[in-house]
Amino acid sequence: MRRPDAASTAAAAVAAASGRLTRERLAAYETALVSRFGPPVSEAAGALVPHALRAPLAGLVLAVPFLSRHMVLDPTFLHRRQAPLTDPAPYFAAPALGLV
C-alpha cells in the first residue's frame, strides 16, 4: 500500500477546495500533515540546540554520511520510523481534510 506524502496530501486538499484556495479552506491541510507525519522537526529539535550552534552542527551532520542518513534522511524524508498505513483513505479523502 502506498504511503501518502506531503505532495499527494496537498493535491487532495487543493482538489477538495474546488478552486477556493483560502486560508480557511486549506487550514485542514496542516492538520492532515501533522496527524500523519507529526509536528515539524524544527519545532521539536530547534528548541534543544542554541541558535549559535545550529549552523556548525548542521554542517557536521551533513558532512558525515552516517549522520546524514540516520538524522536527516530517514526520519524527515523517508519516514522510516513510521508504521505503514493500514488505510490511506483518511489522508486522501476530502471529508478528512474538512474541505467538503
Protein backbone atom coordinates (compact mmCIF):
# COMPACT_ATOMS: atom_id res chain seq x y z
CA MET A 1 0.00 0.00 0.00
CA ARG A 2 1.36 3.40 -0.98
CA ARG A 3 2.15 5.80 1.82
CA PRO A 4 0.78 9.31 1.27
CA ASP A 5 3.32 12.07 1.17
CA ALA A 6 3.01 15.80 1.66
CA ALA A 7 2.57 16.41 -2.08
CA SER A 8 -0.31 13.96 -2.51
CA THR A 9 -1.97 15.31 0.64
CA ALA A 10 -1.61 18.84 -0.77
CA ALA A 11 -3.09 17.74 -4.09
CA ALA A 12 -6.09 16.24 -2.29
CA ALA A 13 -6.55 19.46 -0.31
CA VAL A 14 -6.38 21.66 -3.40
CA ALA A 15 -8.78 19.41 -5.32
CA ALA A 16 -11.23 19.37 -2.43
CA ALA A 17 -11.10 23.17 -2.17
CA SER A 18 -12.75 23.36 -5.62
CA GLY A 19 -10.85 26.45 -6.69
CA ARG A 20 -11.46 28.40 -3.47
CA LEU A 21 -7.92 28.41 -2.10
CA THR A 22 -8.44 30.46 1.02
CA ARG A 23 -6.52 30.10 4.26
CA GLU A 24 -9.63 28.73 5.95
CA ARG A 25 -10.30 26.14 3.22
CA LEU A 26 -6.70 24.92 3.31
CA ALA A 27 -6.13 25.01 7.09
CA ALA A 28 -7.09 21.35 7.32
CA TYR A 29 -4.07 20.53 5.12
CA GLU A 30 -1.74 21.38 8.00
CA THR A 31 -3.84 19.29 10.36
CA ALA A 32 -3.68 16.34 7.96
CA LEU A 33 0.11 16.66 7.68
CA VAL A 34 0.62 16.85 11.43
CA SER A 35 -1.68 13.88 12.02
CA ARG A 36 0.26 11.78 9.52
CA PHE A 37 3.85 12.96 9.93
CA GLY A 38 3.87 14.54 13.40
CA PRO A 39 4.94 18.08 14.33
CA PRO A 40 7.60 19.78 12.23
CA VAL A 41 11.10 18.69 13.20
CA SER A 42 12.31 22.28 13.51
CA GLU A 43 9.89 22.89 16.37
CA ALA A 44 10.93 19.76 18.25
CA ALA A 45 14.70 19.80 17.74
CA GLY A 46 15.28 23.51 17.27
CA ALA A 47 14.42 24.33 20.86
CA LEU A 48 17.13 21.98 22.13
CA VAL A 49 20.06 23.46 20.21
CA PRO A 50 21.27 27.02 20.90
CA HIS A 51 20.99 29.28 17.85
CA ALA A 52 24.76 29.90 17.65
CA LEU A 53 25.48 26.15 17.39
CA ARG A 54 22.85 25.24 14.76
CA ALA A 55 24.87 26.06 11.61
CA PRO A 56 28.10 24.35 12.73
CA LEU A 57 26.22 21.26 13.93
CA ALA A 58 24.17 21.12 10.74
CA GLY A 59 27.36 21.26 8.69
CA LEU A 60 28.83 18.41 10.70
CA VAL A 61 25.70 16.27 10.39
CA LEU A 62 25.53 16.80 6.62
CA ALA A 63 29.26 16.17 6.14
CA VAL A 64 29.16 12.72 7.77
CA PRO A 65 27.22 10.21 5.61
CA PHE A 66 26.11 8.06 8.56
CA LEU A 67 24.71 11.08 10.41
CA SER A 68 23.08 12.46 7.27
CA ARG A 69 21.34 9.18 6.66
CA HIS A 70 20.16 8.49 10.20
CA MET A 71 19.48 12.02 11.45
CA VAL A 72 18.17 13.72 8.29
CA LEU A 73 17.08 11.37 5.51
CA ASP A 74 15.47 8.51 7.42
CA PRO A 75 13.31 10.49 9.86
CA THR A 76 12.42 13.53 7.73
CA PHE A 77 12.25 12.37 4.12
CA LEU A 78 11.91 8.59 4.18
CA HIS A 79 9.83 8.38 7.39
CA ARG A 80 11.36 5.02 8.22
CA ARG A 81 10.33 5.18 11.86
CA GLN A 82 6.64 5.40 10.99
CA ALA A 83 4.39 2.38 10.80
CA PRO A 84 2.90 1.66 7.40
CA LEU A 85 -0.63 2.83 6.80
CA THR A 86 -3.38 0.29 7.09
CA ASP A 87 -5.97 2.56 5.47
CA PRO A 88 -4.73 5.58 3.50
CA ALA A 89 -8.26 6.85 2.82
CA PRO A 90 -8.37 9.29 5.77
CA TYR A 91 -5.35 11.12 4.37
CA PHE A 92 -6.70 11.40 0.82
CA ALA A 93 -10.40 11.90 1.32
CA ALA A 94 -11.75 15.43 1.12
CA PRO A 95 -14.01 14.97 4.18
CA ALA A 96 -10.97 14.06 6.27
CA LEU A 97 -9.38 17.35 5.24
CA GLY A 98 -12.53 19.19 6.29
CA LEU A 99 -12.90 20.78 2.87
CA VAL A 100 -16.27 19.44 1.81
